[in-house]
Amino acid sequence: MSADLSPAGPGEGAAAAPSTRTAPATRMTGAARRDQILAAARRVFAEGGYAASTDEVARAAGVSQPYVVRLFGSKRDLFLAAYQQATSEILAALSAVPAGPDAGERMGDAYVRLLEDRDLLRLVMHGFTAGTDPEVGRAARHCLGEAFRLFVERTGEEPDEGRRFVAFGMLINVLMATDAPAHVGEDAGMDALLSCVQESVQERRTA
């Protein structure tokens, strides 16, 4: 390392006194705060379902409960916003696959990649069970129907193949919602089913 040969100024030689100024805190925008709360809501509702509270979401987001209510309204509105965001991500992943002879494989791969966000699929499953709410039910039905429509449209396959695709995705969701991977050895039938599904998923990940 070369030495610093620049001329010394008056009083140099002693260490400079550290500045006591602190950088001003960056104020989070409303949109960023909303995204922060939605991310927390995804985690909390994925774990506790619709029974989770706005207070739990607020603690997870590091904000006050009144702020969450002021931004989203009721718990139902917050759950719906988080749920619509999750289903939109699923449909966006499927929609990104262009039509073609390999569309079926690519759509399957796209869904498998969604498994990296375990909370997303668990939240979607909780939404199906909360489908008696008119708006949540509408979002859940649209997610299922649009996944089916996209598969048939992009692959050119018969509707029965679309049904198989949606059914396999739902099976994955159920296994995630019941936390099946964490309870291997509890039930022989479930172990066999889980092994079958995991083999199929692993084949896609390594293909």
N, C-alpha and C. Protein backbone atom coordinates (compact mmCIF):
# COMPACT_ATOMS: atom_id res chain seq x y z
N MET A 1 0.86 -1.19 0.00
CA MET A 1 0.00 0.00 0.00
C MET A 1 0.89 1.23 0.00
N SER A 2 0.63 2.20 -0.85
CA SER A 2 1.46 3.40 -0.93
C SER A 2 1.08 4.37 0.18
N ALA A 3 2.10 5.15 0.63
CA ALA A 3 1.84 6.13 1.69
C ALA A 3 1.11 7.32 1.12
N ASP A 4 0.42 8.05 2.01
CA ASP A 4 -0.28 9.27 1.61
C ASP A 4 0.73 10.41 1.65
N LEU A 5 1.09 10.96 0.48
CA LEU A 5 2.11 12.02 0.42
C LEU A 5 1.50 13.39 0.21
N SER A 6 0.23 13.53 0.38
CA SER A 6 -0.39 14.84 0.20
C SER A 6 0.05 15.77 1.31
N PRO A 7 0.24 17.08 1.03
CA PRO A 7 0.73 18.02 2.05
C PRO A 7 -0.21 18.08 3.25
N ALA A 8 0.37 18.18 4.41
CA ALA A 8 -0.44 18.28 5.62
C ALA A 8 -0.95 19.69 5.79
N GLY A 9 -2.17 19.85 6.18
CA GLY A 9 -2.76 21.16 6.43
C GLY A 9 -2.52 21.57 7.86
N PRO A 10 -2.92 22.78 8.21
CA PRO A 10 -2.72 23.28 9.58
C PRO A 10 -3.39 22.37 10.60
N GLY A 11 -2.64 22.01 11.62
CA GLY A 11 -3.21 21.22 12.71
C GLY A 11 -3.33 19.75 12.41
N GLU A 12 -2.89 19.30 11.23
CA GLU A 12 -3.00 17.88 10.93
C GLU A 12 -1.93 17.12 11.68
N GLY A 13 -2.17 15.88 11.88
CA GLY A 13 -1.24 15.04 12.63
C GLY A 13 -1.99 14.36 13.74
N ALA A 14 -2.95 15.07 14.34
CA ALA A 14 -3.83 14.46 15.34
C ALA A 14 -5.05 13.93 14.64
N ALA A 15 -5.65 12.92 15.23
CA ALA A 15 -6.85 12.33 14.64
C ALA A 15 -7.97 13.35 14.67
N ALA A 16 -8.71 13.39 13.58
CA ALA A 16 -9.84 14.32 13.52
C ALA A 16 -10.92 13.90 14.50
N ALA A 17 -11.56 14.86 15.12
CA ALA A 17 -12.63 14.56 16.08
C ALA A 17 -13.82 13.97 15.32
N PRO A 18 -14.37 12.90 15.84
CA PRO A 18 -15.52 12.29 15.15
C PRO A 18 -16.71 13.23 15.13
N SER A 19 -17.41 13.20 14.03
CA SER A 19 -18.59 14.05 13.89
C SER A 19 -19.70 13.55 14.80
N THR A 20 -20.38 14.48 15.40
CA THR A 20 -21.51 14.10 16.27
C THR A 20 -22.82 14.14 15.53
N ARG A 21 -22.77 14.51 14.24
CA ARG A 21 -24.01 14.57 13.47
C ARG A 21 -24.47 13.16 13.11
N THR A 22 -25.74 12.96 13.12
CA THR A 22 -26.31 11.69 12.68
C THR A 22 -27.11 11.92 11.41
N ALA A 23 -27.03 10.94 10.53
CA ALA A 23 -27.76 11.07 9.26
C ALA A 23 -29.25 11.09 9.55
N PRO A 24 -29.97 11.95 8.86
CA PRO A 24 -31.42 11.98 9.09
C PRO A 24 -32.07 10.66 8.70
N ALA A 25 -33.01 10.24 9.52
CA ALA A 25 -33.69 8.98 9.24
C ALA A 25 -34.49 9.08 7.95
N THR A 26 -34.41 8.03 7.16
CA THR A 26 -35.16 8.00 5.91
C THR A 26 -36.61 7.64 6.22
N ARG A 27 -37.50 8.50 5.82
CA ARG A 27 -38.91 8.28 6.10
C ARG A 27 -39.49 7.33 5.05
N MET A 28 -40.11 6.26 5.52
CA MET A 28 -40.68 5.28 4.61
C MET A 28 -41.93 5.85 3.94
N THR A 29 -42.06 5.65 2.64
CA THR A 29 -43.23 6.14 1.93
C THR A 29 -44.46 5.32 2.33
N GLY A 30 -45.63 5.88 2.04
CA GLY A 30 -46.86 5.16 2.34
C GLY A 30 -46.94 3.84 1.61
N ALA A 31 -46.48 3.82 0.35
CA ALA A 31 -46.52 2.59 -0.44
C ALA A 31 -45.59 1.54 0.15
N ALA A 32 -44.40 1.99 0.59
CA ALA A 32 -43.44 1.05 1.18
C ALA A 32 -43.97 0.51 2.51
N ARG A 33 -44.61 1.36 3.30
CA ARG A 33 -45.18 0.91 4.57
C ARG A 33 -46.31 -0.09 4.32
N ARG A 34 -47.10 0.17 3.29
CA ARG A 34 -48.19 -0.76 2.95
C ARG A 34 -47.62 -2.13 2.57
N ASP A 35 -46.55 -2.12 1.76
CA ASP A 35 -45.92 -3.38 1.36
C ASP A 35 -45.35 -4.10 2.57
N GLN A 36 -44.79 -3.35 3.50
CA GLN A 36 -44.23 -3.94 4.72
C GLN A 36 -45.33 -4.65 5.52
N ILE A 37 -46.47 -4.01 5.64
CA ILE A 37 -47.58 -4.59 6.40
C ILE A 37 -48.14 -5.80 5.67
N LEU A 38 -48.24 -5.73 4.35
CA LEU A 38 -48.74 -6.88 3.59
C LEU A 38 -47.80 -8.07 3.71
N ALA A 39 -46.49 -7.82 3.73
CA ALA A 39 -45.53 -8.91 3.90
C ALA A 39 -45.70 -9.55 5.27
N ALA A 40 -45.91 -8.72 6.29
CA ALA A 40 -46.14 -9.25 7.63
C ALA A 40 -47.46 -10.01 7.69
N ALA A 41 -48.48 -9.47 7.03
CA ALA A 41 -49.79 -10.13 7.03
C ALA A 41 -49.70 -11.50 6.37
N ARG A 42 -48.90 -11.60 5.31
CA ARG A 42 -48.75 -12.91 4.66
C ARG A 42 -48.18 -13.92 5.63
N ARG A 43 -47.15 -13.53 6.38
CA ARG A 43 -46.54 -14.46 7.34
C ARG A 43 -47.52 -14.83 8.44
N VAL A 44 -48.20 -13.83 8.98
CA VAL A 44 -49.08 -14.06 10.13
C VAL A 44 -50.31 -14.86 9.73
N PHE A 45 -50.95 -14.50 8.63
CA PHE A 45 -52.15 -15.23 8.21
C PHE A 45 -51.79 -16.63 7.69
N ALA A 46 -50.61 -16.78 7.11
CA ALA A 46 -50.19 -18.11 6.68
C ALA A 46 -50.05 -19.04 7.88
N GLU A 47 -49.58 -18.47 8.99
CA GLU A 47 -49.39 -19.28 10.19
C GLU A 47 -50.70 -19.48 10.96
N GLY A 48 -51.46 -18.42 11.12
CA GLY A 48 -52.65 -18.51 11.98
C GLY A 48 -53.98 -18.51 11.27
N GLY A 49 -53.96 -18.35 9.95
CA GLY A 49 -55.21 -18.32 9.21
C GLY A 49 -56.01 -17.06 9.50
N TYR A 50 -57.27 -17.07 9.13
CA TYR A 50 -58.12 -15.90 9.30
C TYR A 50 -58.32 -15.54 10.77
N ALA A 51 -58.06 -16.51 11.66
CA ALA A 51 -58.22 -16.25 13.09
C ALA A 51 -57.15 -15.33 13.64
N ALA A 52 -56.05 -15.14 12.92
CA ALA A 52 -54.99 -14.22 13.38
C ALA A 52 -55.54 -12.80 13.46
N SER A 53 -54.94 -12.00 14.31
CA SER A 53 -55.46 -10.65 14.56
C SER A 53 -54.62 -9.57 13.90
N THR A 54 -55.22 -8.39 13.75
CA THR A 54 -54.47 -7.25 13.23
C THR A 54 -53.36 -6.84 14.20
N ASP A 55 -53.54 -7.11 15.48
CA ASP A 55 -52.51 -6.80 16.46
C ASP A 55 -51.26 -7.65 16.20
N GLU A 56 -51.46 -8.93 15.86
CA GLU A 56 -50.33 -9.81 15.52
C GLU A 56 -49.62 -9.30 14.27
N VAL A 57 -50.39 -8.87 13.29
CA VAL A 57 -49.80 -8.34 12.06
C VAL A 57 -49.00 -7.08 12.37
N ALA A 58 -49.56 -6.21 13.19
CA ALA A 58 -48.88 -4.96 13.55
C ALA A 58 -47.54 -5.24 14.23
N ARG A 59 -47.54 -6.18 15.17
CA ARG A 59 -46.28 -6.52 15.86
C ARG A 59 -45.26 -7.08 14.88
N ALA A 60 -45.71 -7.92 13.95
CA ALA A 60 -44.80 -8.50 12.97
C ALA A 60 -44.24 -7.44 12.03
N ALA A 61 -45.03 -6.40 11.76
CA ALA A 61 -44.60 -5.33 10.86
C ALA A 61 -43.84 -4.23 11.58
N GLY A 62 -43.89 -4.22 12.92
CA GLY A 62 -43.20 -3.19 13.67
C GLY A 62 -43.93 -1.85 13.65
N VAL A 63 -45.26 -1.90 13.54
CA VAL A 63 -46.07 -0.68 13.56
C VAL A 63 -47.17 -0.85 14.60
N SER A 64 -47.94 0.21 14.80
CA SER A 64 -49.03 0.12 15.77
C SER A 64 -50.27 -0.50 15.12
N GLN A 65 -51.09 -1.12 15.97
CA GLN A 65 -52.32 -1.73 15.47
C GLN A 65 -53.28 -0.70 14.89
N PRO A 66 -53.43 0.48 15.52
CA PRO A 66 -54.29 1.50 14.92
C PRO A 66 -53.82 1.93 13.54
N TYR A 67 -52.50 1.93 13.33
CA TYR A 67 -51.98 2.31 12.01
C TYR A 67 -52.40 1.29 10.96
N VAL A 68 -52.35 0.01 11.31
CA VAL A 68 -52.77 -1.04 10.37
C VAL A 68 -54.24 -0.87 10.01
N VAL A 69 -55.06 -0.61 11.03
CA VAL A 69 -56.49 -0.43 10.79
C VAL A 69 -56.74 0.83 9.97
N ARG A 70 -56.01 1.89 10.25
CA ARG A 70 -56.19 3.13 9.50
C ARG A 70 -55.82 2.93 8.02
N LEU A 71 -54.81 2.10 7.76
CA LEU A 71 -54.35 1.90 6.40
C LEU A 71 -55.22 0.92 5.62
N PHE A 72 -55.69 -0.12 6.29
CA PHE A 72 -56.42 -1.18 5.59
C PHE A 72 -57.89 -1.30 5.97
N GLY A 73 -58.28 -0.71 7.08
CA GLY A 73 -59.66 -0.88 7.52
C GLY A 73 -59.76 -2.07 8.47
N SER A 74 -60.65 -2.97 8.20
CA SER A 74 -60.88 -4.11 9.08
C SER A 74 -59.88 -5.24 8.83
N LYS A 75 -59.88 -6.21 9.74
CA LYS A 75 -59.04 -7.40 9.55
C LYS A 75 -59.43 -8.11 8.26
N ARG A 76 -60.69 -8.16 7.97
CA ARG A 76 -61.16 -8.81 6.75
C ARG A 76 -60.57 -8.15 5.52
N ASP A 77 -60.50 -6.81 5.53
CA ASP A 77 -59.94 -6.09 4.39
C ASP A 77 -58.44 -6.35 4.26
N LEU A 78 -57.75 -6.45 5.39
CA LEU A 78 -56.32 -6.74 5.36
C LEU A 78 -56.09 -8.16 4.84
N PHE A 79 -56.86 -9.11 5.33
CA PHE A 79 -56.72 -10.50 4.86
C PHE A 79 -56.98 -10.56 3.35
N LEU A 80 -58.03 -9.87 2.91
CA LEU A 80 -58.38 -9.88 1.49
C LEU A 80 -57.26 -9.29 0.65
N ALA A 81 -56.66 -8.19 1.11
CA ALA A 81 -55.57 -7.56 0.36
C ALA A 81 -54.37 -8.50 0.26
N ALA A 82 -54.03 -9.16 1.36
CA ALA A 82 -52.90 -10.10 1.35
C ALA A 82 -53.22 -11.30 0.47
N TYR A 83 -54.46 -11.74 0.54
CA TYR A 83 -54.87 -12.91 -0.25
C TYR A 83 -54.88 -12.60 -1.74
N GLN A 84 -55.42 -11.46 -2.11
CA GLN A 84 -55.43 -11.07 -3.52
C GLN A 84 -54.02 -10.90 -4.06
N GLN A 85 -53.13 -10.37 -3.24
CA GLN A 85 -51.73 -10.23 -3.66
C GLN A 85 -51.13 -11.61 -3.93
N ALA A 86 -51.39 -12.57 -3.04
CA ALA A 86 -50.83 -13.91 -3.19
C ALA A 86 -51.37 -14.61 -4.43
N THR A 87 -52.69 -14.56 -4.63
CA THR A 87 -53.27 -15.23 -5.81
C THR A 87 -52.82 -14.55 -7.09
N SER A 88 -52.62 -13.26 -7.05
CA SER A 88 -52.14 -12.54 -8.24
C SER A 88 -50.73 -13.00 -8.61
N GLU A 89 -49.90 -13.28 -7.60
CA GLU A 89 -48.55 -13.76 -7.87
C GLU A 89 -48.58 -15.14 -8.53
N ILE A 90 -49.48 -15.99 -8.08
CA ILE A 90 -49.61 -17.31 -8.69
C ILE A 90 -50.02 -17.19 -10.15
N LEU A 91 -51.04 -16.40 -10.40
CA LEU A 91 -51.55 -16.25 -11.77
C LEU A 91 -50.53 -15.55 -12.66
N ALA A 92 -49.76 -14.62 -12.10
CA ALA A 92 -48.73 -13.95 -12.88
C ALA A 92 -47.65 -14.94 -13.31
N ALA A 93 -47.29 -15.86 -12.41
CA ALA A 93 -46.28 -16.87 -12.74
C ALA A 93 -46.76 -17.78 -13.85
N LEU A 94 -48.03 -18.15 -13.81
CA LEU A 94 -48.59 -19.02 -14.85
C LEU A 94 -48.78 -18.25 -16.16
N SER A 95 -49.20 -17.00 -16.05
CA SER A 95 -49.44 -16.18 -17.25
C SER A 95 -48.15 -15.90 -18.00
N ALA A 96 -47.02 -15.91 -17.31
CA ALA A 96 -45.74 -15.61 -17.95
C ALA A 96 -45.28 -16.70 -18.90
N VAL A 97 -45.91 -17.87 -18.83
CA VAL A 97 -45.54 -18.98 -19.72
C VAL A 97 -46.25 -18.81 -21.05
N PRO A 98 -45.51 -18.72 -22.15
CA PRO A 98 -46.15 -18.57 -23.46
C PRO A 98 -46.75 -19.88 -23.94
N ALA A 99 -47.68 -19.77 -24.84
CA ALA A 99 -48.29 -20.96 -25.44
C ALA A 99 -47.25 -21.73 -26.23
N GLY A 100 -47.38 -23.05 -26.24
CA GLY A 100 -46.43 -23.86 -27.00
C GLY A 100 -46.46 -25.31 -26.54
N PRO A 101 -45.74 -26.16 -27.23
CA PRO A 101 -45.78 -27.59 -26.91
C PRO A 101 -45.22 -27.93 -25.53
N ASP A 102 -44.35 -27.06 -24.99
CA ASP A 102 -43.78 -27.33 -23.67
C ASP A 102 -44.43 -26.49 -22.58
N ALA A 103 -45.56 -25.86 -22.89
CA ALA A 103 -46.20 -24.97 -21.93
C ALA A 103 -46.61 -25.70 -20.66
N GLY A 104 -47.09 -26.92 -20.79
CA GLY A 104 -47.51 -27.68 -19.61
C GLY A 104 -46.37 -27.90 -18.64
N GLU A 105 -45.22 -28.32 -19.17
CA GLU A 105 -44.05 -28.53 -18.32
C GLU A 105 -43.59 -27.22 -17.69
N ARG A 106 -43.60 -26.17 -18.47
CA ARG A 106 -43.13 -24.89 -17.96
C ARG A 106 -44.08 -24.31 -16.91
N MET A 107 -45.37 -24.55 -17.07
CA MET A 107 -46.31 -24.08 -16.05
C MET A 107 -46.15 -24.88 -14.76
N GLY A 108 -45.89 -26.18 -14.91
CA GLY A 108 -45.62 -26.99 -13.72
C GLY A 108 -44.37 -26.52 -13.00
N ASP A 109 -43.33 -26.21 -13.78
CA ASP A 109 -42.09 -25.70 -13.19
C ASP A 109 -42.33 -24.37 -12.48
N ALA A 110 -43.15 -23.51 -13.10
CA ALA A 110 -43.44 -22.20 -12.51
C ALA A 110 -44.14 -22.37 -11.16
N TYR A 111 -45.04 -23.32 -11.06
CA TYR A 111 -45.75 -23.53 -9.80
C TYR A 111 -44.80 -24.10 -8.74
N VAL A 112 -43.94 -25.01 -9.17
CA VAL A 112 -42.98 -25.59 -8.22
C VAL A 112 -42.06 -24.51 -7.65
N ARG A 113 -41.67 -23.53 -8.48
CA ARG A 113 -40.82 -22.45 -7.98
C ARG A 113 -41.53 -21.64 -6.90
N LEU A 114 -42.86 -21.60 -6.95
CA LEU A 114 -43.61 -20.88 -5.92
C LEU A 114 -43.47 -21.53 -4.55
N LEU A 115 -43.05 -22.80 -4.51
CA LEU A 115 -42.89 -23.49 -3.23
C LEU A 115 -41.81 -22.84 -2.37
N GLU A 116 -40.94 -22.04 -3.00
CA GLU A 116 -39.91 -21.36 -2.22
C GLU A 116 -40.51 -20.38 -1.23
N ASP A 117 -41.72 -19.89 -1.54
CA ASP A 117 -42.43 -19.01 -0.61
C ASP A 117 -43.54 -19.84 0.04
N ARG A 118 -43.17 -20.52 1.10
CA ARG A 118 -44.12 -21.41 1.76
C ARG A 118 -45.34 -20.66 2.27
N ASP A 119 -45.12 -19.44 2.73
CA ASP A 119 -46.23 -18.66 3.28
C ASP A 119 -47.27 -18.33 2.21
N LEU A 120 -46.82 -18.12 0.98
CA LEU A 120 -47.75 -17.80 -0.10
C LEU A 120 -48.78 -18.90 -0.27
N LEU A 121 -48.32 -20.14 -0.41
CA LEU A 121 -49.24 -21.25 -0.65
C LEU A 121 -50.11 -21.55 0.58
N ARG A 122 -49.55 -21.39 1.77
CA ARG A 122 -50.35 -21.62 2.98
C ARG A 122 -51.43 -20.56 3.12
N LEU A 123 -51.10 -19.32 2.78
CA LEU A 123 -52.11 -18.26 2.83
C LEU A 123 -53.23 -18.53 1.84
N VAL A 124 -52.86 -18.95 0.63
CA VAL A 124 -53.87 -19.26 -0.38
C VAL A 124 -54.80 -20.36 0.12
N MET A 125 -54.25 -21.35 0.79
CA MET A 125 -55.07 -22.43 1.31
C MET A 125 -56.03 -21.92 2.38
N HIS A 126 -55.56 -21.04 3.24
CA HIS A 126 -56.44 -20.46 4.26
C HIS A 126 -57.56 -19.65 3.59
N GLY A 127 -57.25 -19.04 2.47
CA GLY A 127 -58.28 -18.30 1.74
C GLY A 127 -59.38 -19.20 1.23
N PHE A 128 -59.02 -20.39 0.79
CA PHE A 128 -60.05 -21.32 0.33
C PHE A 128 -61.00 -21.70 1.46
N THR A 129 -60.45 -21.87 2.67
CA THR A 129 -61.30 -22.25 3.80
C THR A 129 -62.11 -21.06 4.31
N ALA A 130 -61.67 -19.84 3.97
CA ALA A 130 -62.42 -18.64 4.37
C ALA A 130 -63.31 -18.15 3.23
N GLY A 131 -63.55 -19.03 2.26
CA GLY A 131 -64.28 -18.66 1.06
C GLY A 131 -65.74 -18.33 1.25
N THR A 132 -66.28 -18.53 2.45
CA THR A 132 -67.67 -18.13 2.68
C THR A 132 -67.82 -16.61 2.68
N ASP A 133 -66.71 -15.89 2.91
CA ASP A 133 -66.74 -14.44 2.75
C ASP A 133 -66.89 -14.15 1.26
N PRO A 134 -67.83 -13.31 0.86
CA PRO A 134 -68.09 -13.09 -0.57
C PRO A 134 -66.86 -12.67 -1.38
N GLU A 135 -66.07 -11.73 -0.87
CA GLU A 135 -64.93 -11.23 -1.63
C GLU A 135 -63.78 -12.23 -1.63
N VAL A 136 -63.53 -12.85 -0.49
CA VAL A 136 -62.47 -13.86 -0.43
C VAL A 136 -62.84 -15.04 -1.32
N GLY A 137 -64.10 -15.46 -1.25
CA GLY A 137 -64.56 -16.56 -2.08
C GLY A 137 -64.43 -16.24 -3.56
N ARG A 138 -64.74 -15.00 -3.94
CA ARG A 138 -64.62 -14.61 -5.34
C ARG A 138 -63.16 -14.69 -5.81
N ALA A 139 -62.24 -14.21 -4.96
CA ALA A 139 -60.81 -14.26 -5.31
C ALA A 139 -60.32 -15.71 -5.41
N ALA A 140 -60.78 -16.56 -4.49
CA ALA A 140 -60.38 -17.97 -4.50
C ALA A 140 -60.89 -18.68 -5.75
N ARG A 141 -62.14 -18.44 -6.10
CA ARG A 141 -62.71 -19.08 -7.30
C ARG A 141 -62.01 -18.59 -8.56
N HIS A 142 -61.68 -17.30 -8.59
CA HIS A 142 -60.99 -16.77 -9.77
C HIS A 142 -59.61 -17.40 -9.91
N CYS A 143 -58.90 -17.58 -8.80
CA CYS A 143 -57.58 -18.18 -8.85
C CYS A 143 -57.64 -19.59 -9.44
N LEU A 144 -58.56 -20.40 -8.96
CA LEU A 144 -58.70 -21.76 -9.46
C LEU A 144 -59.12 -21.78 -10.93
N GLY A 145 -60.14 -20.99 -11.23
CA GLY A 145 -60.66 -20.98 -12.59
C GLY A 145 -59.66 -20.45 -13.60
N GLU A 146 -58.94 -19.40 -13.22
CA GLU A 146 -57.97 -18.80 -14.14
C GLU A 146 -56.77 -19.72 -14.34
N ALA A 147 -56.34 -20.43 -13.29
CA ALA A 147 -55.25 -21.40 -13.44
C ALA A 147 -55.66 -22.49 -14.43
N PHE A 148 -56.87 -22.96 -14.32
CA PHE A 148 -57.38 -23.97 -15.25
C PHE A 148 -57.44 -23.42 -16.67
N ARG A 149 -58.00 -22.21 -16.81
CA ARG A 149 -58.15 -21.62 -18.14
C ARG A 149 -56.80 -21.40 -18.80
N LEU A 150 -55.84 -20.87 -18.03
CA LEU A 150 -54.52 -20.61 -18.59
C LEU A 150 -53.84 -21.90 -19.05
N PHE A 151 -53.97 -22.95 -18.25
CA PHE A 151 -53.33 -24.21 -18.61
C PHE A 151 -53.89 -24.74 -19.93
N VAL A 152 -55.20 -24.78 -20.03
CA VAL A 152 -55.82 -25.30 -21.25
C VAL A 152 -55.49 -24.42 -22.45
N GLU A 153 -55.52 -23.11 -22.25
CA GLU A 153 -55.25 -22.18 -23.35
C GLU A 153 -53.82 -22.27 -23.83
N ARG A 154 -52.86 -22.27 -22.90
CA ARG A 154 -51.45 -22.23 -23.28
C ARG A 154 -50.94 -23.59 -23.79
N THR A 155 -51.52 -24.68 -23.28
CA THR A 155 -51.02 -26.01 -23.67
C THR A 155 -51.78 -26.61 -24.86
N GLY A 156 -53.04 -26.19 -25.03
CA GLY A 156 -53.87 -26.81 -26.06
C GLY A 156 -54.36 -28.19 -25.65
N GLU A 157 -54.17 -28.54 -24.38
CA GLU A 157 -54.59 -29.86 -23.90
C GLU A 157 -56.09 -29.90 -23.67
N GLU A 158 -56.58 -31.11 -23.48
CA GLU A 158 -57.99 -31.30 -23.16
C GLU A 158 -58.27 -30.79 -21.75
N PRO A 159 -59.52 -30.39 -21.48
CA PRO A 159 -59.85 -29.88 -20.14
C PRO A 159 -59.48 -30.83 -19.01
N ASP A 160 -59.52 -32.13 -19.27
CA ASP A 160 -59.21 -33.08 -18.20
C ASP A 160 -57.76 -32.93 -17.74
N GLU A 161 -56.86 -32.56 -18.66
CA GLU A 161 -55.47 -32.33 -18.26
C GLU A 161 -55.36 -31.06 -17.41
N GLY A 162 -56.19 -30.08 -17.74
CA GLY A 162 -56.23 -28.88 -16.92
C GLY A 162 -56.70 -29.19 -15.51
N ARG A 163 -57.68 -30.07 -15.42
CA ARG A 163 -58.18 -30.49 -14.11
C ARG A 163 -57.07 -31.17 -13.32
N ARG A 164 -56.28 -32.03 -13.96
CA ARG A 164 -55.19 -32.71 -13.28
C ARG A 164 -54.15 -31.70 -12.77
N PHE A 165 -53.87 -30.70 -13.59
CA PHE A 165 -52.89 -29.69 -13.21
C PHE A 165 -53.35 -28.94 -11.96
N VAL A 166 -54.59 -28.47 -11.97
CA VAL A 166 -55.12 -27.73 -10.82
C VAL A 166 -55.21 -28.62 -9.60
N ALA A 167 -55.61 -29.87 -9.80
CA ALA A 167 -55.76 -30.80 -8.67
C ALA A 167 -54.41 -31.07 -8.01
N PHE A 168 -53.36 -31.22 -8.81
CA PHE A 168 -52.04 -31.47 -8.23
C PHE A 168 -51.56 -30.25 -7.45
N GLY A 169 -51.82 -29.05 -7.99
CA GLY A 169 -51.46 -27.84 -7.26
C GLY A 169 -52.19 -27.75 -5.94
N MET A 170 -53.47 -28.10 -5.94
CA MET A 170 -54.24 -28.07 -4.70
C MET A 170 -53.72 -29.09 -3.70
N LEU A 171 -53.29 -30.24 -4.18
CA LEU A 171 -52.73 -31.27 -3.29
C LEU A 171 -51.47 -30.72 -2.62
N ILE A 172 -50.63 -30.06 -3.38
CA ILE A 172 -49.43 -29.45 -2.80
C ILE A 172 -49.83 -28.45 -1.72
N ASN A 173 -50.83 -27.62 -2.02
CA ASN A 173 -51.29 -26.62 -1.03
C ASN A 173 -51.77 -27.28 0.25
N VAL A 174 -52.52 -28.37 0.12
CA VAL A 174 -53.05 -29.07 1.29
C VAL A 174 -51.90 -29.63 2.13
N LEU A 175 -50.91 -30.22 1.47
CA LEU A 175 -49.78 -30.77 2.20
C LEU A 175 -49.01 -29.68 2.94
N MET A 176 -48.90 -28.50 2.31
CA MET A 176 -48.23 -27.39 2.97
C MET A 176 -49.06 -26.88 4.15
N ALA A 177 -50.38 -26.77 3.95
CA ALA A 177 -51.25 -26.24 4.99
C ALA A 177 -51.30 -27.14 6.22
N THR A 178 -51.21 -28.45 5.99
CA THR A 178 -51.24 -29.40 7.11
C THR A 178 -49.86 -29.67 7.68
N ASP A 179 -48.84 -28.99 7.15
CA ASP A 179 -47.47 -29.12 7.62
C ASP A 179 -47.00 -30.57 7.56
N ALA A 180 -47.42 -31.26 6.50
CA ALA A 180 -47.10 -32.68 6.36
C ALA A 180 -45.60 -32.97 6.37
N PRO A 181 -44.76 -32.16 5.71
CA PRO A 181 -43.32 -32.50 5.71
C PRO A 181 -42.70 -32.54 7.10
N ALA A 182 -43.29 -31.83 8.05
CA ALA A 182 -42.73 -31.79 9.40
C ALA A 182 -43.22 -32.95 10.27
N HIS A 183 -44.09 -33.81 9.72
CA HIS A 183 -44.65 -34.89 10.53
C HIS A 183 -44.46 -36.25 9.88
N VAL A 184 -43.34 -36.41 9.21
CA VAL A 184 -43.01 -37.71 8.62
C VAL A 184 -42.87 -38.74 9.74
N GLY A 185 -43.45 -39.92 9.52
CA GLY A 185 -43.41 -40.98 10.52
C GLY A 185 -44.66 -41.05 11.37
N GLU A 186 -45.52 -40.06 11.24
CA GLU A 186 -46.75 -40.04 12.04
C GLU A 186 -47.82 -40.95 11.48
N ASP A 187 -47.88 -41.01 10.15
CA ASP A 187 -48.93 -41.80 9.49
C ASP A 187 -48.36 -42.42 8.22
N ALA A 188 -48.46 -43.74 8.08
CA ALA A 188 -47.84 -44.43 6.95
C ALA A 188 -48.45 -44.00 5.61
N GLY A 189 -49.76 -43.83 5.59
CA GLY A 189 -50.40 -43.43 4.34
C GLY A 189 -49.96 -42.04 3.90
N MET A 190 -49.90 -41.11 4.85
CA MET A 190 -49.46 -39.76 4.53
C MET A 190 -48.00 -39.75 4.09
N ASP A 191 -47.18 -40.57 4.74
CA ASP A 191 -45.78 -40.64 4.35
C ASP A 191 -45.64 -41.08 2.89
N ALA A 192 -46.45 -42.07 2.50
CA ALA A 192 -46.39 -42.57 1.13
C ALA A 192 -46.85 -41.50 0.14
N LEU A 193 -47.93 -40.79 0.48
CA LEU A 193 -48.43 -39.73 -0.39
C LEU A 193 -47.41 -38.61 -0.51
N LEU A 194 -46.85 -38.20 0.62
CA LEU A 194 -45.87 -37.12 0.62
C LEU A 194 -44.65 -37.50 -0.21
N SER A 195 -44.20 -38.74 -0.08
CA SER A 195 -43.05 -39.19 -0.84
C SER A 195 -43.32 -39.15 -2.33
N CYS A 196 -44.52 -39.56 -2.72
CA CYS A 196 -44.91 -39.53 -4.13
C CYS A 196 -44.89 -38.11 -4.68
N VAL A 197 -45.47 -37.19 -3.93
CA VAL A 197 -45.52 -35.79 -4.37
C VAL A 197 -44.13 -35.19 -4.40
N GLN A 198 -43.33 -35.45 -3.38
CA GLN A 198 -41.98 -34.89 -3.32
C GLN A 198 -41.11 -35.39 -4.47
N GLU A 199 -41.28 -36.65 -4.85
CA GLU A 199 -40.53 -37.19 -5.99
C GLU A 199 -40.90 -36.46 -7.27
N SER A 200 -42.19 -36.20 -7.44
CA SER A 200 -42.64 -35.50 -8.64
C SER A 200 -42.10 -34.07 -8.66
N VAL A 201 -42.14 -33.40 -7.51
CA VAL A 201 -41.63 -32.03 -7.43
C VAL A 201 -40.13 -32.00 -7.67
N GLN A 202 -39.42 -32.95 -7.08
CA GLN A 202 -37.97 -32.98 -7.24
C GLN A 202 -37.55 -33.23 -8.67
N GLU A 203 -38.33 -34.04 -9.38
CA GLU A 203 -38.04 -34.28 -10.80
C GLU A 203 -38.10 -32.98 -11.58
N ARG A 204 -39.06 -32.13 -11.25
CA ARG A 204 -39.18 -30.84 -11.94
C ARG A 204 -38.02 -29.91 -11.58
N ARG A 205 -37.61 -29.95 -10.32
CA ARG A 205 -36.55 -29.04 -9.88
C ARG A 205 -35.20 -29.41 -10.49
N THR A 206 -34.99 -30.70 -10.76
CA THR A 206 -33.71 -31.13 -11.30
C THR A 206 -33.73 -31.34 -12.80
N ALA A 207 -34.90 -31.15 -13.43
CA ALA A 207 -35.00 -31.37 -14.87
C ALA A 207 -34.20 -30.32 -15.64
